[in-house]
Amino acid sequence: MRLSKLVGERTKETPSDAKMKNHILLLRAGYMKQVANGIYSLTALGQKACLNIENIIREEMNLCEGQEVKFPVVMPKELWDMSGRYSAIGSEMVRFTDRANRPMLLGMTHEEAAVHLAKNWVNSYTQLPCMIYQIQTKFRDEPRSRGGLIRVREFTMKDAYSFHLSQDDLEDYYEVMFKAYERIYKRIGLGRNVISVKSDNGMFGGNMSHEFMYLNENGEDELVLCEHCDYRANQEVAECVYHNSIQEDVLPLEEVYTAEAKDIEEVSNYLKMSPKKCIKAVVFAIKGEQGSVVCFTRGDKEINETKLRRLCKKEVVPYDASNDDDFCAGNIGPKDLKAKNTKIFFDLSLKGLTNLVTGANKNQYHYVNFNIERDYGAVEYFDISKVKNGDPCPNCNKPLRVSNGIEIGNIFQLGTKYSKSMGMFVKTKDEQEINPIMGCYGIGVGRNLACVIEENSDENGICMPLSVAPYKIHIVPLRLDDENVASVSSKLYHDLQSRKIEVLIDDRDVMPGVKFADADLIGMPIRVLISPRSLQNNMVEIKLRKTGEIIMVEVQNALDKIIEIMSTNKEI
């Protein structure tokens, strides 16, 4: 490809709305162009890079005996009614009616379509296990698109679905896919900073899941990690452990004046008490239902909404209690709480604590020396809080670390949630009919490209890994008006093409500084500089973009040297 013909603009200016490195560089280097919020067109640079990632994924899925299929982007409502997800999923799913007034939707995931395809055709134990996968466009109407390709509304994703006779068989295949994912991330240049963590199954259902996370300070996901053992979990499912063993005399309950102090910081400062001696009240509403949920936790903790959602088996959302006469906002406590239709949960962090501060359900007043069992009654405690830095590890009891990460893949053990609800059966060896047990496995292609650039870039631009680079070689001729430069450059360009090596040549009549800056920005892994000065000694300069290493080689050996570098140095 000649750079003069390449569609896409390279610019020095940083786009005003781009914050993350990948977003800035993908726009500045001309890999993509924004069409609408969370929707992008990819240029040849962006598309070829994504296709290279897709092909690596495809190779690994085929090694897992996957069968590539293609599901529709548009699906009828009835398909999702069978699983119950049409009404369960909110506004992030786009619904519409076709010209015959039939309710339809845009696919944001394809479990229903996978079962629909396999149903009736996969009907015997002799066909299992089997796995089908696709690489397909999806649409999810994200309310907060951000980070370029990190969080978008329209995206390309590989999603795979496996079918099994037994849980043991699913677990064996789950491990096969787990290892395939590790190979994929290593091959695209992300292996060092990718970890797997236990995660919440969310809208997919099932019993076990793992997310593959790229560690990055700008990631939206909070990860709970132990540096002393192998404990790793998403904050959504991370287990809280407490050692509340402080022994003290139980003191008489007192109602005290706390003026306008409302939140934990104000109350603890006013009473000169540690937040750990205070009870925090957090109120939630249940979507589509009357009433509320009140959670009580230790003053220094935060409620984990995902844990609470699993406990309630309801969709809970934060609730502004200041507009509700049933609550005395800022002074809410367990004792004499008179709110109607309210479910109350106590967090595990409060178990065993004595002489606490809590709201008196009365404006400007709190209780001190509140003891839950004495002053409220026997309660059951639940783990509904977030893990904090320094909390003890559930495995080894050493301090935990909370880090940020970007989800770049997930694998789920779905069980029979979809095969059962959609009436899919297979016959066992003894002629019994069972619902096959399913697994699903997803990877976002654009999101992985974004993380590749987060990982492989410097102050001058992108340092594209060889495996993902849209063009492997970037020829930079200086002084194309020089007949020797033009001849050597053209020959090398055509020789590389004849070897089916993707090559880009900068054939523009611009200053050398512009050519060098653009080459650094777009980041092809191997640069070949051809100039009148080097040709005086019958030499060309090969430069590795990532390391900056320079190799001088005779003109007649340039092609062989490039092929040698590509075959022996996969890390460039």
Protein backbone atom coordinates (compact mmCIF):
# COMPACT_ATOMS: atom_id res chain seq x y z
CA MET A 1 0.00 0.00 0.00
CA ARG A 2 1.23 3.47 -0.93
CA LEU A 3 0.87 5.94 1.93
CA SER A 4 -0.25 8.66 -0.48
CA LYS A 5 -3.34 6.57 -1.26
CA LEU A 6 -4.09 5.43 2.29
CA VAL A 7 -7.45 6.76 3.49
CA GLY A 8 -7.07 8.37 6.88
CA GLU A 9 -5.47 11.48 8.35
CA ARG A 10 -2.51 11.69 10.71
CA THR A 11 -2.45 14.66 13.02
CA LYS A 12 -0.41 16.16 15.87
CA GLU A 13 -3.48 17.50 17.68
CA THR A 14 -4.98 15.49 20.54
CA PRO A 15 -8.78 15.18 20.14
CA SER A 16 -10.50 17.14 22.91
CA ASP A 17 -12.78 14.30 24.02
CA ALA A 18 -10.09 11.58 24.03
CA LYS A 19 -8.54 10.77 27.40
CA MET A 20 -7.11 7.25 27.19
CA LYS A 21 -3.91 6.62 25.26
CA ASN A 22 -5.45 4.15 22.82
CA HIS A 23 -8.29 6.53 21.98
CA ILE A 24 -5.90 9.41 21.31
CA LEU A 25 -3.53 7.36 19.17
CA LEU A 26 -6.19 5.52 17.16
CA LEU A 27 -7.66 8.89 16.15
CA ARG A 28 -4.36 10.72 15.65
CA ALA A 29 -2.84 7.89 13.60
CA GLY A 30 -5.92 7.58 11.38
CA TYR A 31 -7.00 4.09 12.40
CA MET A 32 -10.61 5.16 12.92
CA LYS A 33 -13.10 8.02 12.74
CA GLN A 34 -16.02 8.71 15.06
CA VAL A 35 -19.48 8.53 13.49
CA ALA A 36 -21.56 9.01 16.65
CA ASN A 37 -21.12 8.54 20.38
CA GLY A 38 -19.64 5.05 20.83
CA ILE A 39 -19.78 4.30 17.08
CA TYR A 40 -16.68 4.35 14.84
CA SER A 41 -15.68 3.67 11.25
CA LEU A 42 -12.38 1.82 10.91
CA THR A 43 -9.93 2.76 8.18
CA ALA A 44 -7.78 0.15 6.45
CA LEU A 45 -5.25 0.45 9.29
CA GLY A 46 -7.86 -0.24 11.96
CA GLN A 47 -9.69 -2.92 10.00
CA LYS A 48 -6.54 -4.85 9.06
CA ALA A 49 -5.36 -4.79 12.69
CA CYS A 50 -8.75 -6.08 13.86
CA LEU A 51 -8.75 -8.79 11.18
CA ASN A 52 -5.33 -9.94 12.36
CA ILE A 53 -6.71 -10.27 15.91
CA GLU A 54 -9.76 -12.08 14.55
CA ASN A 55 -7.60 -14.55 12.65
CA ILE A 56 -5.57 -15.36 15.77
CA ILE A 57 -8.82 -15.92 17.67
CA ARG A 58 -10.17 -18.02 14.79
CA GLU A 59 -7.06 -20.22 14.74
CA GLU A 60 -7.30 -20.87 18.47
CA MET A 61 -11.03 -21.58 18.37
CA ASN A 62 -10.50 -24.05 15.52
CA LEU A 63 -7.82 -25.79 17.60
CA CYS A 64 -10.53 -26.23 20.25
CA GLU A 65 -12.64 -27.99 17.59
CA GLY A 66 -14.89 -24.99 17.21
CA GLN A 67 -17.21 -24.68 14.22
CA GLU A 68 -17.47 -21.14 12.88
CA VAL A 69 -21.05 -20.04 12.19
CA LYS A 70 -22.82 -16.73 11.81
CA PHE A 71 -25.89 -15.65 13.72
CA PRO A 72 -28.17 -12.79 12.66
CA VAL A 73 -27.73 -9.29 14.07
CA VAL A 74 -31.53 -8.86 14.11
CA MET A 75 -33.66 -11.36 16.03
CA PRO A 76 -37.38 -11.69 16.77
CA LYS A 77 -38.74 -10.99 20.24
CA GLU A 78 -40.11 -14.55 20.59
CA LEU A 79 -36.60 -15.99 20.70
CA TRP A 80 -35.68 -13.87 23.71
CA ASP A 81 -39.08 -14.37 25.34
CA MET A 82 -38.24 -18.08 25.56
CA SER A 83 -35.21 -17.35 27.76
CA GLY A 84 -36.97 -14.54 29.66
CA ARG A 85 -34.33 -11.99 28.76
CA TYR A 86 -36.46 -9.81 26.48
CA SER A 87 -38.22 -8.30 29.49
CA ALA A 88 -35.30 -8.73 31.92
CA ILE A 89 -32.79 -6.59 29.99
CA GLY A 90 -33.25 -2.84 30.13
CA SER A 91 -32.77 0.00 27.67
CA GLU A 92 -29.28 -1.12 26.63
CA MET A 93 -31.03 -3.54 24.26
CA VAL A 94 -32.42 -1.86 21.12
CA ARG A 95 -35.98 -2.95 20.34
CA PHE A 96 -37.99 -2.03 17.25
CA THR A 97 -40.79 -3.29 15.01
CA ASP A 98 -40.38 -4.32 11.39
CA ARG A 99 -42.73 -3.30 8.54
CA ALA A 100 -45.15 -6.09 9.51
CA ASN A 101 -45.25 -4.65 13.04
CA ARG A 102 -43.41 -7.66 14.49
CA PRO A 103 -41.28 -6.88 17.58
CA MET A 104 -37.58 -7.29 16.83
CA LEU A 105 -34.26 -6.52 18.55
CA LEU A 106 -30.60 -5.93 17.80
CA GLY A 107 -28.37 -8.70 19.17
CA MET A 108 -26.12 -7.72 22.03
CA THR A 109 -25.26 -11.36 22.74
CA HIS A 110 -26.33 -14.60 21.06
CA GLU A 111 -27.09 -17.38 23.56
CA GLU A 112 -30.66 -17.64 22.28
CA ALA A 113 -29.55 -17.75 18.65
CA ALA A 114 -26.97 -20.44 19.46
CA VAL A 115 -29.58 -22.69 21.07
CA HIS A 116 -32.00 -22.00 18.23
CA LEU A 117 -29.37 -23.10 15.70
CA ALA A 118 -28.34 -26.24 17.60
CA LYS A 119 -31.83 -27.28 18.68
CA ASN A 120 -33.13 -30.39 16.86
CA TRP A 121 -29.90 -30.71 14.85
CA VAL A 122 -27.81 -31.55 17.90
CA ASN A 123 -29.95 -34.26 19.49
CA SER A 124 -27.70 -37.19 20.43
CA TYR A 125 -24.93 -37.89 22.91
CA THR A 126 -22.78 -38.95 19.93
CA GLN A 127 -22.63 -35.30 18.80
CA LEU A 128 -21.41 -33.96 22.14
CA PRO A 129 -19.38 -32.16 23.21
CA CYS A 130 -19.54 -29.59 20.42
CA MET A 131 -18.81 -25.88 20.14
CA ILE A 132 -20.03 -23.27 17.68
CA TYR A 133 -18.66 -19.74 17.45
CA GLN A 134 -18.99 -16.57 15.44
CA ILE A 135 -17.17 -13.26 14.96
CA GLN A 136 -20.00 -10.80 14.52
CA THR A 137 -21.20 -7.23 14.93
CA LYS A 138 -23.28 -6.51 18.01
CA PHE A 139 -25.03 -3.46 19.38
CA ARG A 140 -25.49 -2.48 23.01
CA ASP A 141 -26.82 1.00 23.78
CA GLU A 142 -24.23 1.83 26.43
CA PRO A 143 -25.16 4.88 28.50
CA ARG A 144 -21.49 5.82 29.05
CA SER A 145 -19.39 5.21 25.95
CA ARG A 146 -15.74 6.02 26.71
CA GLY A 147 -12.13 5.20 26.01
CA GLY A 148 -12.36 4.91 22.24
CA LEU A 149 -12.87 1.22 21.47
CA ILE A 150 -12.82 0.27 25.16
CA ARG A 151 -16.53 0.93 25.72
CA VAL A 152 -18.60 1.39 22.58
CA ARG A 153 -22.16 0.78 21.43
CA GLU A 154 -21.46 -1.05 18.18
CA PHE A 155 -18.67 -3.62 18.38
CA THR A 156 -17.28 -6.81 16.88
CA MET A 157 -17.09 -9.80 19.17
CA LYS A 158 -16.17 -13.45 19.08
CA ASP A 159 -18.74 -15.42 21.03
CA ALA A 160 -18.64 -19.20 21.33
CA TYR A 161 -21.17 -21.66 22.79
CA SER A 162 -20.43 -25.22 23.83
CA PHE A 163 -22.87 -28.07 24.60
CA HIS A 164 -22.17 -30.97 26.98
CA LEU A 165 -23.74 -34.07 28.47
CA SER A 166 -22.35 -33.55 31.98
CA GLN A 167 -20.96 -30.91 34.29
CA ASP A 168 -17.63 -32.76 34.38
CA ASP A 169 -17.42 -32.58 30.59
CA LEU A 170 -18.18 -28.85 30.65
CA GLU A 171 -15.48 -28.27 33.26
CA ASP A 172 -12.93 -30.15 31.17
CA TYR A 173 -13.77 -28.06 28.11
CA TYR A 174 -13.85 -24.87 30.19
CA GLU A 175 -10.19 -25.53 31.03
CA VAL A 176 -9.39 -26.07 27.33
CA MET A 177 -10.91 -22.70 26.48
CA PHE A 178 -9.18 -21.05 29.43
CA LYS A 179 -5.79 -22.09 28.04
CA ALA A 180 -6.81 -21.01 24.51
CA TYR A 181 -7.58 -17.53 25.84
CA GLU A 182 -4.17 -17.33 27.50
CA ARG A 183 -2.54 -18.20 24.16
CA ILE A 184 -4.62 -15.58 22.31
CA TYR A 185 -3.55 -12.77 24.63
CA LYS A 186 0.08 -13.80 24.44
CA ARG A 187 -0.04 -13.93 20.64
CA ILE A 188 -1.54 -10.44 20.26
CA GLY A 189 0.99 -8.87 22.65
CA LEU A 190 -0.93 -8.68 25.94
CA GLY A 191 0.27 -11.73 27.84
CA ARG A 192 2.32 -9.98 30.54
CA ASN A 193 -0.45 -7.79 31.92
CA VAL A 194 -3.46 -10.06 31.52
CA ILE A 195 -4.87 -11.92 34.50
CA SER A 196 -7.98 -14.03 35.00
CA VAL A 197 -10.36 -13.28 37.87
CA LYS A 198 -13.52 -14.85 39.22
CA SER A 199 -16.52 -12.79 38.17
CA ASP A 200 -20.28 -12.36 38.36
CA ASN A 201 -22.38 -14.12 35.70
CA GLY A 202 -24.73 -11.15 35.45
CA MET A 203 -27.40 -11.37 32.76
CA PHE A 204 -25.84 -14.53 31.30
CA GLY A 205 -26.79 -16.75 34.26
CA GLY A 206 -24.95 -19.89 35.30
CA ASN A 207 -22.76 -20.88 38.20
CA MET A 208 -19.14 -20.03 37.42
CA SER A 209 -17.36 -17.47 35.30
CA HIS A 210 -13.97 -15.89 34.79
CA GLU A 211 -13.02 -12.59 33.24
CA PHE A 212 -9.71 -11.94 31.57
CA MET A 213 -8.52 -8.51 32.62
CA TYR A 214 -5.86 -6.23 31.19
CA LEU A 215 -4.36 -4.40 34.16
CA ASN A 216 -4.65 -0.68 33.52
CA GLU A 217 -5.09 2.27 35.87
CA ASN A 218 -7.84 3.67 33.63
CA GLY A 219 -9.89 0.47 33.67
CA GLU A 220 -13.47 0.65 34.93
CA ASP A 221 -13.41 -2.72 36.67
CA GLU A 222 -12.05 -3.04 40.19
CA LEU A 223 -9.97 -6.16 40.74
CA VAL A 224 -9.11 -7.64 44.11
CA LEU A 225 -5.69 -9.30 44.05
CA CYS A 226 -3.48 -11.06 46.55
CA GLU A 227 0.25 -10.78 45.90
CA HIS A 228 0.97 -13.58 48.39
CA CYS A 229 -1.24 -16.32 46.91
CA ASP A 230 -3.30 -16.91 43.76
CA TYR A 231 -6.52 -15.19 44.95
CA ARG A 232 -7.96 -12.99 42.18
CA ALA A 233 -11.52 -11.77 41.87
CA ASN A 234 -13.59 -9.01 40.36
CA GLN A 235 -14.80 -6.60 43.05
CA GLU A 236 -18.33 -7.74 42.23
CA VAL A 237 -17.67 -11.20 43.71
CA ALA A 238 -14.62 -10.63 45.93
CA GLU A 239 -15.14 -12.14 49.36
CA CYS A 240 -14.86 -9.90 52.42
CA VAL A 241 -13.18 -11.31 55.53
CA TYR A 242 -13.28 -9.68 58.98
CA HIS A 243 -11.58 -10.34 62.30
CA ASN A 244 -13.72 -8.33 64.70
CA SER A 245 -12.18 -9.66 67.89
CA ILE A 246 -11.96 -6.46 69.98
CA GLN A 247 -13.28 -7.18 73.46
CA GLU A 248 -14.83 -4.31 75.41
CA ASP A 249 -17.49 -3.85 78.05
CA VAL A 250 -20.99 -3.37 76.66
CA LEU A 251 -22.10 0.15 77.59
CA PRO A 252 -25.64 1.54 78.10
CA LEU A 253 -27.40 2.86 75.00
CA GLU A 254 -27.57 6.67 74.81
CA GLU A 255 -29.35 9.06 72.48
CA VAL A 256 -27.09 12.02 71.72
CA TYR A 257 -27.48 15.30 69.87
CA THR A 258 -25.44 15.45 66.63
CA ALA A 259 -26.74 18.72 65.17
CA GLU A 260 -26.54 18.85 61.35
CA ALA A 261 -23.99 16.02 61.07
CA LYS A 262 -25.40 13.60 58.52
CA ASP A 263 -22.80 11.52 56.70
CA ILE A 264 -20.30 9.19 58.35
CA GLU A 265 -17.40 11.64 58.18
CA GLU A 266 -19.43 14.43 59.78
CA VAL A 267 -20.89 12.20 62.50
CA SER A 268 -17.57 10.52 63.37
CA ASN A 269 -15.83 13.93 63.57
CA TYR A 270 -18.63 15.39 65.69
CA LEU A 271 -18.54 12.49 68.16
CA LYS A 272 -14.76 11.98 67.86
CA MET A 273 -15.30 8.33 66.95
CA SER A 274 -13.64 6.23 64.26
CA PRO A 275 -15.81 5.52 61.19
CA LYS A 276 -15.21 1.85 61.99
CA LYS A 277 -17.33 2.38 65.13
CA CYS A 278 -20.22 3.80 63.12
CA ILE A 279 -23.05 2.05 61.28
CA LYS A 280 -23.64 3.39 57.78
CA ALA A 281 -27.16 3.16 56.33
CA VAL A 282 -27.58 2.91 52.55
CA VAL A 283 -31.04 2.85 50.96
CA PHE A 284 -31.92 1.18 47.64
CA ALA A 285 -35.09 0.90 45.59
CA ILE A 286 -36.22 -2.21 43.72
CA LYS A 287 -36.92 -1.61 40.04
CA GLY A 288 -40.58 -2.05 39.19
CA GLU A 289 -41.66 -2.67 42.78
CA GLN A 290 -42.86 -0.67 45.75
CA GLY A 291 -40.77 -0.46 48.91
CA SER A 292 -37.05 -0.23 49.57
CA VAL A 293 -33.97 -2.06 50.79
CA VAL A 294 -31.92 -0.68 53.69
CA CYS A 295 -28.37 -1.95 54.12
CA PHE A 296 -26.36 -1.39 57.28
CA THR A 297 -22.61 -1.69 57.07
CA ARG A 298 -19.52 -0.51 58.92
CA GLY A 299 -18.85 3.19 58.45
CA ASP A 300 -15.66 2.75 56.45
CA LYS A 301 -17.21 0.28 53.97
CA GLU A 302 -19.16 0.65 50.71
CA ILE A 303 -22.12 -1.49 49.67
CA ASN A 304 -21.46 -3.80 46.73
CA GLU A 305 -24.57 -3.51 44.56
CA THR A 306 -23.83 -6.70 42.62
CA LYS A 307 -23.66 -8.74 45.83
CA LEU A 308 -26.87 -7.10 47.05
CA ARG A 309 -28.58 -7.83 43.73
CA ARG A 310 -27.70 -11.52 44.01
CA LEU A 311 -28.90 -11.60 47.61
CA CYS A 312 -32.23 -9.90 46.82
CA LYS A 313 -32.64 -11.65 43.47
CA LYS A 314 -33.97 -8.26 42.36
CA GLU A 315 -32.68 -5.30 40.35
CA VAL A 316 -31.70 -2.74 42.99
CA VAL A 317 -30.81 0.90 42.34
CA PRO A 318 -29.64 3.69 44.70
CA TYR A 319 -32.50 5.57 46.32
CA ASP A 320 -32.62 9.17 47.52
CA ALA A 321 -34.15 8.75 50.98
CA SER A 322 -34.19 12.52 51.59
CA ASN A 323 -37.39 12.75 49.51
CA ASP A 324 -39.18 10.01 51.46
CA ASP A 325 -41.04 10.80 54.69
CA ASP A 326 -40.53 7.21 55.83
CA PHE A 327 -36.85 7.94 56.38
CA CYS A 328 -34.98 10.50 58.41
CA ALA A 329 -32.15 10.89 55.91
CA GLY A 330 -28.77 11.26 57.58
CA ASN A 331 -30.07 9.78 60.82
CA ILE A 332 -31.24 6.34 59.67
CA GLY A 333 -30.59 3.44 62.04
CA PRO A 334 -31.96 -0.04 62.74
CA LYS A 335 -33.69 0.77 66.05
CA ASP A 336 -37.32 1.84 65.58
CA LEU A 337 -36.98 2.16 61.81
CA LYS A 338 -40.59 2.61 60.70
CA ALA A 339 -40.22 2.66 56.91
CA LYS A 340 -42.90 0.57 55.17
CA ASN A 341 -42.23 -2.34 52.75
CA THR A 342 -38.56 -2.32 53.67
CA LYS A 343 -36.13 -5.21 53.60
CA ILE A 344 -33.21 -4.82 56.00
CA PHE A 345 -29.77 -6.41 55.58
CA PHE A 346 -26.79 -6.25 57.92
CA ASP A 347 -23.31 -6.54 56.45
CA LEU A 348 -20.81 -9.06 57.76
CA SER A 349 -18.48 -6.19 58.74
CA LEU A 350 -20.76 -5.46 61.74
CA LYS A 351 -20.71 -8.95 63.18
CA GLY A 352 -19.16 -9.02 66.66
CA LEU A 353 -18.83 -5.23 66.99
CA THR A 354 -20.08 -3.49 70.12
CA ASN A 355 -20.83 0.05 71.31
CA LEU A 356 -21.52 1.48 67.85
CA VAL A 357 -22.86 4.81 66.62
CA THR A 358 -26.03 4.68 64.54
CA GLY A 359 -28.86 6.95 63.47
CA ALA A 360 -31.75 7.38 65.91
CA ASN A 361 -34.33 7.85 63.10
CA LYS A 362 -34.81 11.30 64.55
CA ASN A 363 -33.52 14.56 63.10
CA GLN A 364 -30.23 15.74 64.67
CA TYR A 365 -29.90 12.66 66.90
CA HIS A 366 -27.85 9.48 66.90
CA TYR A 367 -27.41 6.59 69.32
CA VAL A 368 -24.05 5.75 70.86
CA ASN A 369 -23.19 2.40 72.46
CA PHE A 370 -25.62 0.66 70.12
CA ASN A 371 -25.30 -3.12 70.24
CA ILE A 372 -27.14 -4.91 67.46
CA GLU A 373 -28.27 -8.08 69.28
CA ARG A 374 -29.20 -6.23 72.47
CA ASP A 375 -30.84 -3.13 70.98
CA TYR A 376 -32.32 -4.56 67.78
CA GLY A 377 -32.41 -8.34 68.04
CA ALA A 378 -30.81 -11.41 66.53
CA VAL A 379 -29.86 -10.85 62.88
CA GLU A 380 -28.29 -12.76 60.01
CA TYR A 381 -25.20 -11.13 58.52
CA PHE A 382 -24.43 -11.09 54.79
CA ASP A 383 -21.37 -10.23 52.74
CA ILE A 384 -22.67 -7.19 50.84
CA SER A 385 -19.68 -4.81 50.99
CA LYS A 386 -16.77 -4.02 48.72
CA VAL A 387 -13.26 -5.16 49.52
CA LYS A 388 -10.84 -2.37 50.42
CA ASN A 389 -7.08 -2.12 50.05
CA GLY A 390 -5.47 -3.94 52.96
CA ASP A 391 -8.45 -6.16 53.81
CA PRO A 392 -7.41 -9.74 54.61
CA CYS A 393 -7.25 -12.32 51.83
CA PRO A 394 -9.85 -15.12 52.11
CA ASN A 395 -7.15 -17.67 51.23
CA CYS A 396 -4.01 -16.64 53.11
CA ASN A 397 -5.15 -13.77 55.34
CA LYS A 398 -2.47 -11.42 53.94
CA PRO A 399 -3.42 -7.87 52.82
CA LEU A 400 -5.30 -7.57 49.53
CA ARG A 401 -4.68 -4.99 46.82
CA VAL A 402 -7.45 -3.34 44.77
CA SER A 403 -6.40 -2.52 41.19
CA ASN A 404 -8.12 -1.39 38.01
CA GLY A 405 -8.51 -3.43 34.87
CA ILE A 406 -10.22 -3.60 31.48
CA GLU A 407 -12.25 -6.69 30.68
CA ILE A 408 -10.98 -8.18 27.41
CA GLY A 409 -12.66 -11.58 27.53
CA ASN A 410 -14.94 -13.79 29.58
CA ILE A 411 -15.90 -17.42 29.93
CA PHE A 412 -19.07 -18.70 31.61
CA GLN A 413 -20.43 -22.03 32.75
CA LEU A 414 -24.07 -21.43 31.85
CA GLY A 415 -25.60 -24.71 32.98
CA THR A 416 -29.02 -25.43 31.46
CA LYS A 417 -30.47 -21.90 31.73
CA TYR A 418 -30.94 -21.57 27.97
CA SER A 419 -31.24 -25.16 26.78
CA LYS A 420 -33.99 -25.82 29.33
CA SER A 421 -35.97 -22.62 28.80
CA MET A 422 -35.80 -23.04 25.02
CA GLY A 423 -36.66 -26.74 25.01
CA MET A 424 -33.42 -28.19 23.65
CA PHE A 425 -32.97 -31.92 24.37
CA VAL A 426 -30.39 -34.55 23.53
CA LYS A 427 -30.68 -38.31 24.02
CA THR A 428 -28.20 -40.03 26.29
CA LYS A 429 -26.70 -43.45 25.65
CA ASP A 430 -29.58 -45.07 27.58
CA GLU A 431 -32.18 -43.14 25.51
CA GLN A 432 -33.06 -40.59 28.20
CA GLU A 433 -33.70 -37.00 27.13
CA ILE A 434 -31.74 -34.27 28.93
CA ASN A 435 -31.10 -30.57 28.46
CA PRO A 436 -27.46 -30.17 27.41
CA ILE A 437 -25.22 -28.17 29.74
CA MET A 438 -23.77 -25.06 28.09
CA GLY A 439 -20.73 -22.84 28.29
CA CYS A 440 -20.13 -19.51 26.56
CA TYR A 441 -16.91 -17.67 25.76
CA GLY A 442 -16.57 -14.07 24.55
CA ILE A 443 -13.77 -11.77 23.33
CA GLY A 444 -14.26 -8.19 22.14
CA VAL A 445 -12.06 -7.58 19.09
CA GLY A 446 -11.94 -3.76 19.14
CA ARG A 447 -11.43 -3.67 22.88
CA ASN A 448 -8.45 -6.00 22.52
CA LEU A 449 -6.97 -3.75 19.82
CA ALA A 450 -7.37 -0.79 22.18
CA CYS A 451 -5.54 -2.65 24.95
CA VAL A 452 -2.79 -3.74 22.55
CA ILE A 453 -2.14 -0.05 21.90
CA GLU A 454 -2.33 0.82 25.61
CA GLU A 455 0.38 -1.78 26.14
CA ASN A 456 2.47 -1.10 23.01
CA SER A 457 3.01 2.62 22.56
CA ASP A 458 5.37 5.42 23.57
CA GLU A 459 5.45 9.22 23.51
CA ASN A 460 5.82 9.21 19.71
CA GLY A 461 2.97 6.88 18.84
CA ILE A 462 1.98 3.24 18.42
CA CYS A 463 4.49 0.34 18.59
CA MET A 464 2.34 -2.26 16.88
CA PRO A 465 3.21 -5.93 17.57
CA LEU A 466 4.15 -7.93 14.49
CA SER A 467 1.19 -10.29 14.94
CA VAL A 468 -1.38 -7.48 14.91
CA ALA A 469 0.25 -4.84 12.71
CA PRO A 470 -1.81 -3.96 9.60
CA TYR A 471 1.44 -3.72 7.63
CA LYS A 472 4.56 -5.52 8.82
CA ILE A 473 7.07 -3.36 6.92
CA HIS A 474 7.10 0.41 6.45
CA ILE A 475 9.50 1.56 3.73
CA VAL A 476 10.59 5.18 4.18
CA PRO A 477 12.46 6.47 1.10
CA LEU A 478 14.18 9.85 1.41
CA ARG A 479 14.56 11.84 -1.82
CA LEU A 480 12.41 9.86 -4.23
CA ASP A 481 13.66 12.24 -6.91
CA ASP A 482 16.95 10.35 -6.56
CA GLU A 483 16.86 7.59 -9.20
CA ASN A 484 18.79 5.12 -7.05
CA VAL A 485 16.54 5.66 -4.02
CA ALA A 486 13.42 5.29 -6.16
CA SER A 487 14.71 2.12 -7.83
CA VAL A 488 15.83 0.36 -4.64
CA SER A 489 12.64 1.34 -2.81
CA SER A 490 10.38 0.15 -5.63
CA LYS A 491 12.21 -3.18 -5.97
CA LEU A 492 12.07 -3.93 -2.23
CA TYR A 493 8.39 -2.95 -2.14
CA HIS A 494 7.48 -5.34 -4.96
CA ASP A 495 9.75 -8.12 -3.65
CA LEU A 496 7.99 -7.99 -0.27
CA GLN A 497 4.58 -8.03 -1.96
CA SER A 498 5.58 -11.06 -4.04
CA ARG A 499 6.37 -12.86 -0.76
CA LYS A 500 2.87 -11.92 0.45
CA ILE A 501 4.31 -9.70 3.18
CA GLU A 502 2.09 -6.71 3.98
CA VAL A 503 4.11 -3.61 3.23
CA LEU A 504 3.50 0.15 3.33
CA ILE A 505 5.67 2.59 1.40
CA ASP A 506 5.77 6.34 2.03
CA ASP A 507 5.74 7.65 -1.53
CA ARG A 508 4.86 11.23 -0.58
CA ASP A 509 6.94 14.26 -1.53
CA VAL A 510 7.25 15.64 2.01
CA MET A 511 10.06 16.54 4.40
CA PRO A 512 11.94 13.66 6.13
CA GLY A 513 10.76 14.87 9.53
CA VAL A 514 7.12 14.44 8.47
CA LYS A 515 7.83 10.91 7.22
CA PHE A 516 9.61 9.93 10.45
CA ALA A 517 6.86 11.40 12.64
CA ASP A 518 4.12 9.60 10.72
CA ALA A 519 6.06 6.32 10.79
CA ASP A 520 6.40 6.58 14.58
CA LEU A 521 2.75 7.51 14.96
CA ILE A 522 1.21 4.66 12.96
CA GLY A 523 3.74 2.26 14.43
CA MET A 524 4.52 -0.51 11.94
CA PRO A 525 7.02 -2.87 13.61
CA ILE A 526 9.83 -2.83 10.98
CA ARG A 527 10.91 0.36 9.26
CA VAL A 528 13.28 0.38 6.29
CA LEU A 529 14.99 3.70 5.65
CA ILE A 530 16.40 4.16 2.15
CA SER A 531 18.40 7.34 1.60
CA PRO A 532 21.04 8.66 -0.83
CA ARG A 533 23.63 8.66 1.97
CA SER A 534 23.15 5.00 2.94
CA LEU A 535 23.05 3.92 -0.70
CA GLN A 536 26.47 5.47 -1.26
CA ASN A 537 27.73 2.52 0.78
CA ASN A 538 25.22 0.10 -0.80
CA MET A 539 23.36 -0.11 2.57
CA VAL A 540 19.82 0.37 3.86
CA GLU A 541 18.78 0.95 7.49
CA ILE A 542 16.32 -1.38 9.22
CA LYS A 543 14.84 -0.03 12.45
CA LEU A 544 12.68 -1.94 14.93
CA ARG A 545 9.92 0.41 16.08
CA LYS A 546 9.47 -1.04 19.57
CA THR A 547 13.09 -1.31 20.69
CA GLY A 548 14.68 1.34 18.49
CA GLU A 549 17.34 -1.15 17.39
CA ILE A 550 18.99 -0.21 14.08
CA ILE A 551 20.42 -2.81 11.70
CA MET A 552 22.48 -1.79 8.67
CA VAL A 553 22.34 -4.29 5.82
CA GLU A 554 23.54 -4.39 2.22
CA VAL A 555 20.86 -3.64 -0.37
CA GLN A 556 20.97 -7.09 -1.95
CA ASN A 557 20.49 -8.74 1.47
CA ALA A 558 17.69 -6.51 2.73
CA LEU A 559 14.82 -8.82 1.77
CA ASP A 560 16.39 -11.89 3.38
CA LYS A 561 17.25 -9.93 6.53
CA ILE A 562 13.68 -8.66 6.87
CA ILE A 563 12.32 -12.20 6.52
CA GLU A 564 14.86 -13.44 9.07
CA ILE A 565 13.82 -10.74 11.57
CA MET A 566 10.15 -11.55 11.10
CA SER A 567 10.66 -15.30 11.57
CA THR A 568 13.00 -15.16 14.58
CA ASN A 569 11.77 -12.18 16.56
CA LYS A 570 8.04 -12.48 17.30
CA GLU A 571 8.23 -9.87 20.09
CA ILE A 572 8.98 -6.91 17.82
